[in-house]
C-alpha atoms as a PDB file:
ATOM      1  CA  MET A   1      13.977  -9.194   6.653  1.00  0.00           C
ATOM      2  CA  ASN A   2      10.898  -7.324   6.401  1.00  0.00           C
ATOM      3  CA  LEU A   3       9.153  -4.008   5.672  1.00  0.00           C
ATOM      4  CA  ILE A   4       6.295  -2.776   7.814  1.00  0.00           C
ATOM      5  CA  ILE A   5       4.418   0.367   6.139  1.00  0.00           C
ATOM      6  CA  ASP A   6       1.513   1.355   8.644  1.00  0.00           C
ATOM      7  CA  GLU A   7      -0.903   4.373   6.723  1.00  0.00           C
ATOM      8  CA  GLY A   8      -2.642   5.443   9.732  1.00  0.00           C
ATOM      9  CA  ASN A   9      -4.283   9.117   9.264  1.00  0.00           C
ATOM     10  CA  THR A  10      -1.528  11.581  11.704  1.00  0.00           C
ATOM     11  CA  ALA A  11       1.082   9.286  11.085  1.00  0.00           C
ATOM     12  CA  PHE A  12       2.649   6.526   8.549  1.00  0.00           C
ATOM     13  CA  LYS A  13       4.826   4.478  10.077  1.00  0.00           C
ATOM     14  CA  LEU A  14       8.097   2.542   8.746  1.00  0.00           C
ATOM     15  CA  ALA A  15       9.673  -0.680  10.416  1.00  0.00           C
ATOM     16  CA  ILE A  16      12.256  -2.993   9.661  1.00  0.00           C
ATOM     17  CA  TYR A  17      11.635  -6.577  10.942  1.00  0.00           C
ATOM     18  CA  HIS A  18      13.917  -9.552  11.090  1.00  0.00           C
ATOM     19  CA  GLU A  19      11.355 -12.523  12.300  1.00  0.00           C
ATOM     20  CA  ASP A  20      10.194 -11.111  15.156  1.00  0.00           C
ATOM     21  CA  GLN A  21      12.420  -8.230  15.668  1.00  0.00           C
ATOM     22  CA  LEU A  22      12.079  -5.169  15.751  1.00  0.00           C
ATOM     23  CA  LYS A  23      15.508  -3.984  13.701  1.00  0.00           C
ATOM     24  CA  ALA A  24      14.575   0.232  12.726  1.00  0.00           C
ATOM     25  CA  LYS A  25      11.468   2.586  12.861  1.00  0.00           C
ATOM     26  CA  LYS A  26      10.624   5.551  12.327  1.00  0.00           C
ATOM     27  CA  VAL A  27       7.419   7.986  12.655  1.00  0.00           C
ATOM     28  CA  PHE A  28       6.505  10.305   9.493  1.00  0.00           C
ATOM     29  CA  ASN A  29       4.150  13.055   8.952  1.00  0.00           C
ATOM     30  CA  PRO A  30       1.924  11.874   5.715  1.00  0.00           C
ATOM     31  CA  ILE A  31       3.257  14.577   3.083  1.00  0.00           C
ATOM     32  CA  GLU A  32       6.264  13.475   3.916  1.00  0.00           C
ATOM     33  CA  ARG A  33       7.216  11.486   0.413  1.00  0.00           C
ATOM     34  CA  GLN A  34      10.710  11.751  -0.337  1.00  0.00           C
ATOM     35  CA  GLU A  35      11.837  10.763   2.994  1.00  0.00           C
ATOM     36  CA  MET A  36      10.288   8.558   3.634  1.00  0.00           C
ATOM     37  CA  HIS A  37      11.145   6.869   0.849  1.00  0.00           C
ATOM     38  CA  SER A  38      15.170   7.796   1.731  1.00  0.00           C
ATOM     39  CA  TRP A  39      14.472   5.943   4.622  1.00  0.00           C
ATOM     40  CA  ILE A  40      12.947   2.475   2.414  1.00  0.00           C
ATOM     41  CA  SER A  41      15.889   2.655   0.404  1.00  0.00           C
ATOM     42  CA  ASP A  42      18.756   2.527   2.987  1.00  0.00           C
ATOM     43  CA  PHE A  43      17.297  -0.989   3.394  1.00  0.00           C
ATOM     44  CA  ILE A  44      16.330  -1.859   0.425  1.00  0.00           C
ATOM     45  CA  SER A  45      18.897  -4.711  -0.474  1.00  0.00           C
ATOM     46  CA  GLN A  46      17.737  -5.893   2.967  1.00  0.00           C
ATOM     47  CA  ILE A  47      14.350  -6.213   2.351  1.00  0.00           C
ATOM     48  CA  THR A  48      12.388  -9.773   1.037  1.00  0.00           C
ATOM     49  CA  HIS A  49       8.874  -8.853   2.180  1.00  0.00           C
ATOM     50  CA  VAL A  50       6.920  -6.237   2.578  1.00  0.00           C
ATOM     51  CA  ILE A  51       2.909  -5.424   3.795  1.00  0.00           C
ATOM     52  CA  VAL A  52       0.622  -2.570   3.594  1.00  0.00           C
ATOM     53  CA  SER A  53      -2.165  -1.528   5.579  1.00  0.00           C
ATOM     54  CA  SER A  54      -3.836   1.446   5.236  1.00  0.00           C
ATOM     55  CA  VAL A  55      -6.378   3.818   6.291  1.00  0.00           C
ATOM     56  CA  VAL A  56      -6.445   6.468   3.763  1.00  0.00           C
ATOM     57  CA  GLU A  57      -6.829   7.163   0.302  1.00  0.00           C
ATOM     58  CA  ASN A  58      -3.699   8.354  -0.140  1.00  0.00           C
ATOM     59  CA  GLY A  59      -0.943   6.209   0.348  1.00  0.00           C
ATOM     60  CA  LEU A  60       2.382   5.151  -0.163  1.00  0.00           C
ATOM     61  CA  ASP A  61       3.402   4.704  -4.021  1.00  0.00           C
ATOM     62  CA  LEU A  62       6.001   1.977  -4.222  1.00  0.00           C
ATOM     63  CA  SER A  63       5.705   1.737  -7.916  1.00  0.00           C
ATOM     64  CA  ARG A  64       9.147   2.185  -8.419  1.00  0.00           C
ATOM     65  CA  TYR A  65      10.987  -0.856  -5.962  1.00  0.00           C
ATOM     66  CA  LYS A  66      10.566  -4.174  -7.423  1.00  0.00           C
ATOM     67  CA  PHE A  67       8.238  -4.999  -4.522  1.00  0.00           C
ATOM     68  CA  ASN A  68       5.409  -8.127  -3.981  1.00  0.00           C
ATOM     69  CA  GLU A  69       4.300  -6.290  -1.359  1.00  0.00           C
ATOM     70  CA  ILE A  70       0.332  -7.631   0.540  1.00  0.00           C
ATOM     71  CA  ILE A  71      -2.311  -4.809   0.794  1.00  0.00           C
ATOM     72  CA  LEU A  72      -3.843  -5.659   3.847  1.00  0.00           C
ATOM     73  CA  ASP A  73      -6.988  -6.170   3.728  1.00  0.00           C
ATOM     74  CA  HIS A  74     -10.690  -8.016   4.738  1.00  0.00           C
ATOM     75  CA  THR A  75      -9.586 -10.917   2.116  1.00  0.00           C
ATOM     76  CA  THR A  76      -6.237 -11.020   3.326  1.00  0.00           C
ATOM     77  CA  PRO A  77      -5.236 -14.547   4.888  1.00  0.00           C
ATOM     78  CA  ILE A  78      -5.275 -14.268   9.086  1.00  0.00           C
ATOM     79  CA  PRO A  79      -3.849 -16.230  12.073  1.00  0.00           C
ATOM     80  CA  ILE A  80      -6.783 -15.660  13.891  1.00  0.00           C
ATOM     81  CA  LYS A  81     -10.864 -15.869  12.985  1.00  0.00           C
ATOM     82  CA  ASN A  82     -12.210 -12.614  12.394  1.00  0.00           C
ATOM     83  CA  ASP A  83     -15.921 -12.381  14.149  1.00  0.00           C
ATOM     84  CA  TYR A  84     -16.885  -9.013  12.777  1.00  0.00           C
ATOM     85  CA  LEU A  85     -19.619  -9.040  10.885  1.00  0.00           C
ATOM     86  CA  THR A  86     -18.622  -6.448   8.342  1.00  0.00           C
ATOM     87  CA  LYS A  87     -14.548  -7.419   7.693  1.00  0.00           C
ATOM     88  CA  GLU A  88     -14.373  -5.099   4.968  1.00  0.00           C
ATOM     89  CA  THR A  89     -15.545  -2.052   7.198  1.00  0.00           C
ATOM     90  CA  LEU A  90     -13.151  -2.907   9.864  1.00  0.00           C
ATOM     91  CA  GLY A  91      -9.920  -0.608  10.549  1.00  0.00           C
ATOM     92  CA  ARG A  92      -6.064  -2.645   9.277  1.00  0.00           C
ATOM     93  CA  ASP A  93      -4.882  -1.007  12.335  1.00  0.00           C
ATOM     94  CA  ARG A  94      -7.747  -2.946  14.343  1.00  0.00           C
ATOM     95  CA  LEU A  95      -6.886  -6.105  13.449  1.00  0.00           C
ATOM     96  CA  ALA A  96      -3.088  -5.210  13.624  1.00  0.00           C
ATOM     97  CA  ASN A  97      -3.738  -4.609  17.460  1.00  0.00           C
ATOM     98  CA  ALA A  98      -5.675  -7.908  17.673  1.00  0.00           C
ATOM     99  CA  VAL A  99      -3.986 -10.549  16.005  1.00  0.00           C
ATOM    100  CA  GLY A 100      -0.606  -8.785  17.953  1.00  0.00           C
ATOM    101  CA  ALA A 101      -2.875  -9.297  21.209  1.00  0.00           C
ATOM    102  CA  TRP A 102      -3.249 -12.929  20.622  1.00  0.00           C
ATOM    103  CA  PHE A 103       0.540 -13.654  20.452  1.00  0.00           C
ATOM    104  CA  LYS A 104       1.616 -11.894  23.043  1.00  0.00           C
ATOM    105  CA  ASN A 105      -0.952 -13.057  25.373  1.00  0.00           C
ATOM    106  CA  PRO A 106      -2.314 -16.326  23.172  1.00  0.00           C
ATOM    107  CA  GLU A 107      -3.618 -18.327  26.375  1.00  0.00           C
ATOM    108  CA  GLY A 108      -6.125 -15.655  27.395  1.00  0.00           C
ATOM    109  CA  ASN A 109      -8.492 -12.804  26.521  1.00  0.00           C
ATOM    110  CA  SER A 110      -7.035  -9.615  25.213  1.00  0.00           C
ATOM    111  CA  LEU A 111      -8.877  -5.854  25.182  1.00  0.00           C
ATOM    112  CA  VAL A 112      -6.915  -3.316  22.944  1.00  0.00           C
ATOM    113  CA  ILE A 113      -7.008   0.364  23.570  1.00  0.00           C
ATOM    114  CA  ASP A 114      -6.017   2.261  20.770  1.00  0.00           C
ATOM    115  CA  LEU A 115      -5.140   5.346  21.503  1.00  0.00           C
ATOM    116  CA  GLY A 116      -4.722   7.515  18.575  1.00  0.00           C
ATOM    117  CA  THR A 117      -6.811   9.941  16.169  1.00  0.00           C
ATOM    118  CA  CYS A 118     -10.023   7.712  17.581  1.00  0.00           C
ATOM    119  CA  ILE A 119     -10.169   5.793  20.610  1.00  0.00           C
ATOM    120  CA  LYS A 120     -10.441   1.666  19.965  1.00  0.00           C
ATOM    121  CA  TYR A 121     -11.259  -0.595  22.123  1.00  0.00           C
ATOM    122  CA  ASP A 122     -10.879  -4.066  20.519  1.00  0.00           C
ATOM    123  CA  LEU A 123     -11.508  -7.690  22.389  1.00  0.00           C
ATOM    124  CA  VAL A 124      -9.558 -11.418  21.182  1.00  0.00           C
ATOM    125  CA  GLY A 125     -10.807 -13.980  22.671  1.00  0.00           C
ATOM    126  CA  LYS A 126      -8.646 -17.132  24.093  1.00  0.00           C
ATOM    127  CA  GLU A 127      -9.903 -18.551  21.752  1.00  0.00           C
ATOM    128  CA  GLY A 128      -7.767 -16.939  18.869  1.00  0.00           C
ATOM    129  CA  VAL A 129     -10.941 -15.264  17.741  1.00  0.00           C
ATOM    130  CA  TYR A 130     -10.890 -11.248  17.169  1.00  0.00           C
ATOM    131  CA  LEU A 131     -14.329 -10.425  18.716  1.00  0.00           C
ATOM    132  CA  GLY A 132     -15.207  -6.412  18.012  1.00  0.00           C
ATOM    133  CA  GLY A 133     -14.778  -4.053  20.467  1.00  0.00           C
ATOM    134  CA  ASN A 134     -15.695   0.526  19.832  1.00  0.00           C
ATOM    135  CA  ILE A 135     -14.204   3.238  18.369  1.00  0.00           C
ATOM    136  CA  SER A 136     -14.639   7.230  20.438  1.00  0.00           C
ATOM    137  CA  PRO A 137     -13.476  10.273  19.151  1.00  0.00           C
ATOM    138  CA  GLY A 138     -10.009  10.721  19.952  1.00  0.00           C
ATOM    139  CA  ILE A 139      -8.669  13.541  22.720  1.00  0.00           C
ATOM    140  CA  LYS A 140      -8.018  15.788  19.667  1.00  0.00           C
ATOM    141  CA  MET A 141     -11.352  15.096  17.988  1.00  0.00           C
ATOM    142  CA  ARG A 142     -12.692  16.613  21.511  1.00  0.00           C
ATOM    143  CA  PHE A 143     -10.607  19.411  21.163  1.00  0.00           C
ATOM    144  CA  ASP A 144     -11.916  20.066  17.648  1.00  0.00           C
ATOM    145  CA  ALA A 145     -15.260  18.958  17.784  1.00  0.00           C
ATOM    146  CA  LEU A 146     -15.588  21.698  21.465  1.00  0.00           C
ATOM    147  CA  ASN A 147     -13.911  24.405  19.323  1.00  0.00           C
ATOM    148  CA  THR A 148     -16.256  23.746  15.615  1.00  0.00           C
ATOM    149  CA  PHE A 149     -19.533  23.215  17.284  1.00  0.00           C
ATOM    150  CA  THR A 150     -19.711  25.945  19.630  1.00  0.00           C
ATOM    151  CA  SER A 151     -19.644  29.926  19.313  1.00  0.00           C
ATOM    152  CA  LYS A 152     -17.146  31.349  21.972  1.00  0.00           C
ATOM    153  CA  LEU A 153     -15.450  27.567  23.445  1.00  0.00           C
ATOM    154  CA  PRO A 154     -11.192  28.682  22.245  1.00  0.00           C
ATOM    155  CA  GLN A 155      -9.426  25.993  20.347  1.00  0.00           C
ATOM    156  CA  LEU A 156      -7.154  23.106  22.420  1.00  0.00           C
ATOM    157  CA  SER A 157      -4.601  20.451  22.567  1.00  0.00           C
ATOM    158  CA  ALA A 158      -3.928  17.870  24.932  1.00  0.00           C
ATOM    159  CA  GLU A 159      -1.467  18.989  27.778  1.00  0.00           C
ATOM    160  CA  LYS A 160      -0.459  17.862  31.122  1.00  0.00           C
ATOM    161  CA  ILE A 161      -3.035  18.125  33.311  1.00  0.00           C
ATOM    162  CA  GLY A 162      -2.818  18.115  37.580  1.00  0.00           C
ATOM    163  CA  PHE A 163      -7.053  19.100  38.818  1.00  0.00           C
ATOM    164  CA  ASN A 164      -9.815  17.258  39.262  1.00  0.00           C
ATOM    165  CA  TYR A 165     -12.186  20.097  37.372  1.00  0.00           C
ATOM    166  CA  GLY A 166     -11.901  23.577  36.171  1.00  0.00           C
ATOM    167  CA  THR A 167     -11.123  27.185  37.772  1.00  0.00           C
ATOM    168  CA  ASP A 168     -11.254  28.819  34.195  1.00  0.00           C
ATOM    169  CA  THR A 169     -12.479  27.693  30.832  1.00  0.00           C
ATOM    170  CA  LYS A 170      -9.140  26.394  29.153  1.00  0.00           C
ATOM    171  CA  SER A 171      -9.311  24.273  32.980  1.00  0.00           C
ATOM    172  CA  SER A 172     -12.451  22.883  32.404  1.00  0.00           C
ATOM    173  CA  ILE A 173     -11.932  21.786  28.823  1.00  0.00           C
ATOM    174  CA  LEU A 174      -8.697  20.393  29.594  1.00  0.00           C
ATOM    175  CA  ASN A 175      -9.941  18.235  32.260  1.00  0.00           C
ATOM    176  CA  GLY A 176     -13.360  17.493  30.654  1.00  0.00           C
ATOM    177  CA  VAL A 177     -11.665  16.315  27.146  1.00  0.00           C
ATOM    178  CA  GLN A 178      -8.377  14.101  28.942  1.00  0.00           C
ATOM    179  CA  GLN A 179     -10.122  13.132  32.718  1.00  0.00           C
ATOM    180  CA  GLY A 180     -13.842  12.259  30.110  1.00  0.00           C
ATOM    181  CA  ALA A 181     -11.518   9.998  28.035  1.00  0.00           C
ATOM    182  CA  TYR A 182      -9.408   8.471  31.237  1.00  0.00           C
ATOM    183  CA  HIS A 183     -13.378   7.562  33.162  1.00  0.00           C
ATOM    184  CA  GLU A 184     -14.070   6.186  29.567  1.00  0.00           C
ATOM    185  CA  ILE A 185     -11.314   4.301  29.891  1.00  0.00           C
ATOM    186  CA  ASN A 186     -11.843   2.733  32.872  1.00  0.00           C
ATOM    187  CA  GLY A 187     -15.957   2.267  32.480  1.00  0.00           C
ATOM    188  CA  PHE A 188     -15.078  -0.022  29.936  1.00  0.00           C
ATOM    189  CA  ILE A 189     -11.806  -1.856  31.319  1.00  0.00           C
ATOM    190  CA  ARG A 190     -14.497  -2.299  34.166  1.00  0.00           C
ATOM    191  CA  ARG A 191     -17.748  -3.623  32.016  1.00  0.00           C
ATOM    192  CA  TYR A 192     -15.654  -5.808  29.998  1.00  0.00           C
ATOM    193  CA  SER A 193     -13.244  -7.525  32.458  1.00  0.00           C
ATOM    194  CA  HIS A 194     -16.266  -8.831  34.180  1.00  0.00           C
ATOM    195  CA  ASP A 195     -17.509  -9.831  30.538  1.00  0.00           C
ATOM    196  CA  PHE A 196     -13.881 -12.101  30.097  1.00  0.00           C
ATOM    197  CA  SER A 197     -11.801 -13.786  32.691  1.00  0.00           C
ATOM    198  CA  GLN A 198      -8.586 -13.164  33.256  1.00  0.00           C
ATOM    199  CA  LEU A 199      -8.474 -10.463  31.051  1.00  0.00           C
ATOM    200  CA  THR A 200      -5.176  -8.697  29.482  1.00  0.00           C
ATOM    201  CA  ILE A 201      -5.333  -5.115  28.753  1.00  0.00           C
ATOM    202  CA  PHE A 202      -2.411  -3.719  26.386  1.00  0.00           C
ATOM    203  CA  MET A 203      -2.247  -0.093  25.483  1.00  0.00           C
ATOM    204  CA  THR A 204      -0.752   1.694  22.510  1.00  0.00           C
ATOM    205  CA  GLY A 205      -1.407   5.035  19.943  1.00  0.00           C
ATOM    206  CA  GLY A 206       0.295   8.552  20.504  1.00  0.00           C
ATOM    207  CA  ASP A 207      -1.761   9.620  22.738  1.00  0.00           C
ATOM    208  CA  ALA A 208      -1.024   7.170  25.808  1.00  0.00           C
ATOM    209  CA  ASN A 209       1.322   9.964  27.341  1.00  0.00           C
ATOM    210  CA  PHE A 210      -1.303  12.230  28.597  1.00  0.00           C
ATOM    211  CA  PHE A 211      -2.897  10.238  31.313  1.00  0.00           C
ATOM    212  CA  ASP A 212      -0.891  10.813  34.154  1.00  0.00           C
ATOM    213  CA  LYS A 213      -3.029   8.749  36.497  1.00  0.00           C
ATOM    214  CA  PRO A 214      -2.512   5.331  36.912  1.00  0.00           C
ATOM    215  CA  PHE A 215      -5.307   3.298  35.046  1.00  0.00           C
ATOM    216  CA  ILE A 216      -8.068   0.649  37.237  1.00  0.00           C
ATOM    217  CA  CYS A 217      -5.522  -2.399  36.743  1.00  0.00           C
ATOM    218  CA  ASP A 218      -2.010  -2.918  35.493  1.00  0.00           C
ATOM    219  CA  ILE A 219      -1.512  -2.144  31.619  1.00  0.00           C
ATOM    220  CA  PHE A 220       0.990  -3.405  28.663  1.00  0.00           C
ATOM    221  CA  ALA A 221       1.960  -0.308  27.184  1.00  0.00           C
ATOM    222  CA  ASP A 222       3.505  -1.231  23.649  1.00  0.00           C
ATOM    223  CA  SER A 223       3.306   1.774  21.383  1.00  0.00           C
ATOM    224  CA  ASP A 224       4.765  -1.372  18.445  1.00  0.00           C
ATOM    225  CA  LEU A 225       1.585  -3.686  18.817  1.00  0.00           C
ATOM    226  CA  THR A 226       0.243  -2.585  15.420  1.00  0.00           C
ATOM    227  CA  LEU A 227       3.816  -2.723  13.713  1.00  0.00           C
ATOM    228  CA  PHE A 228       4.105  -6.139  15.184  1.00  0.00           C
ATOM    229  CA  GLY A 229       0.543  -7.888  14.499  1.00  0.00           C
ATOM    230  CA  LEU A 230       1.213  -6.478  10.484  1.00  0.00           C
ATOM    231  CA  ASN A 231       4.809  -8.173  11.062  1.00  0.00           C
ATOM    232  CA  LYS A 232       3.269 -11.123  11.878  1.00  0.00           C
ATOM    233  CA  ILE A 233       0.033 -11.254   9.181  1.00  0.00           C
ATOM    234  CA  LEU A 234       2.965 -10.815   6.667  1.00  0.00           C
ATOM    235  CA  SER A 235       5.238 -13.647   7.676  1.00  0.00           C
ATOM    236  CA  TYR A 236       1.977 -16.132   8.036  1.00  0.00           C
ATOM    237  CA  ASN A 237       1.520 -15.821   4.458  1.00  0.00           C
ATOM    238  CA  VAL A 238       4.682 -16.130   3.436  1.00  0.00           C
ATOM    239  CA  GLN A 239       4.922 -19.142   5.764  1.00  0.00           C
ATOM    240  CA  ASN A 240       2.035 -20.173   3.544  1.00  0.00           C
ATOM    241  CA  SER A 241       2.145 -19.224   0.858  1.00  0.00           C
END
């Protein structure tokens, strides 16, 4: 079985795959190191291959194990073509999302929208080419910025809203941040749907549940797209080693 480790800024995700089937998954706070090791220990006898994708400096120390893990970076072979100009600066999660989208939609164009610490938009052409995309502040980052860079606006966090404009400071901020992100997403969908024929939209990331309005087109919600893409990269390297 494959162990997938996805180390993000706000959460570490660990998963066990058997071929393409997700068998187990757990999301941890990055400080829960002992809990992560305990989780891995539950599957240690079944793990044959490991991949680690990290966007943080202090990742999980795997030296206690006998793994010959793959550390995903810009030199790791991948099953699609990468046309990003600065491959060494490309976020590993973005690359994994692109690979995952390609395997789920191998004959069409794809746009992946990842709603995490940042909102990331990644385009994959129908020829199996990662084209690039965009990065904008995530929802929490937008709330934090309003509080940090003003003297009077309060610190808020995302919550379900049922209004289109604010009638006090709190509702104005909630509406501005969350509706602003919503309209940004729809704007990019419109733009890329015009530029790319038969565009399939994938949405992943933890903040998708804060949007209670439908987007302008059908979207495939897939909370495990990054893990799926990492598993595909790992399998590709195992098969071609």
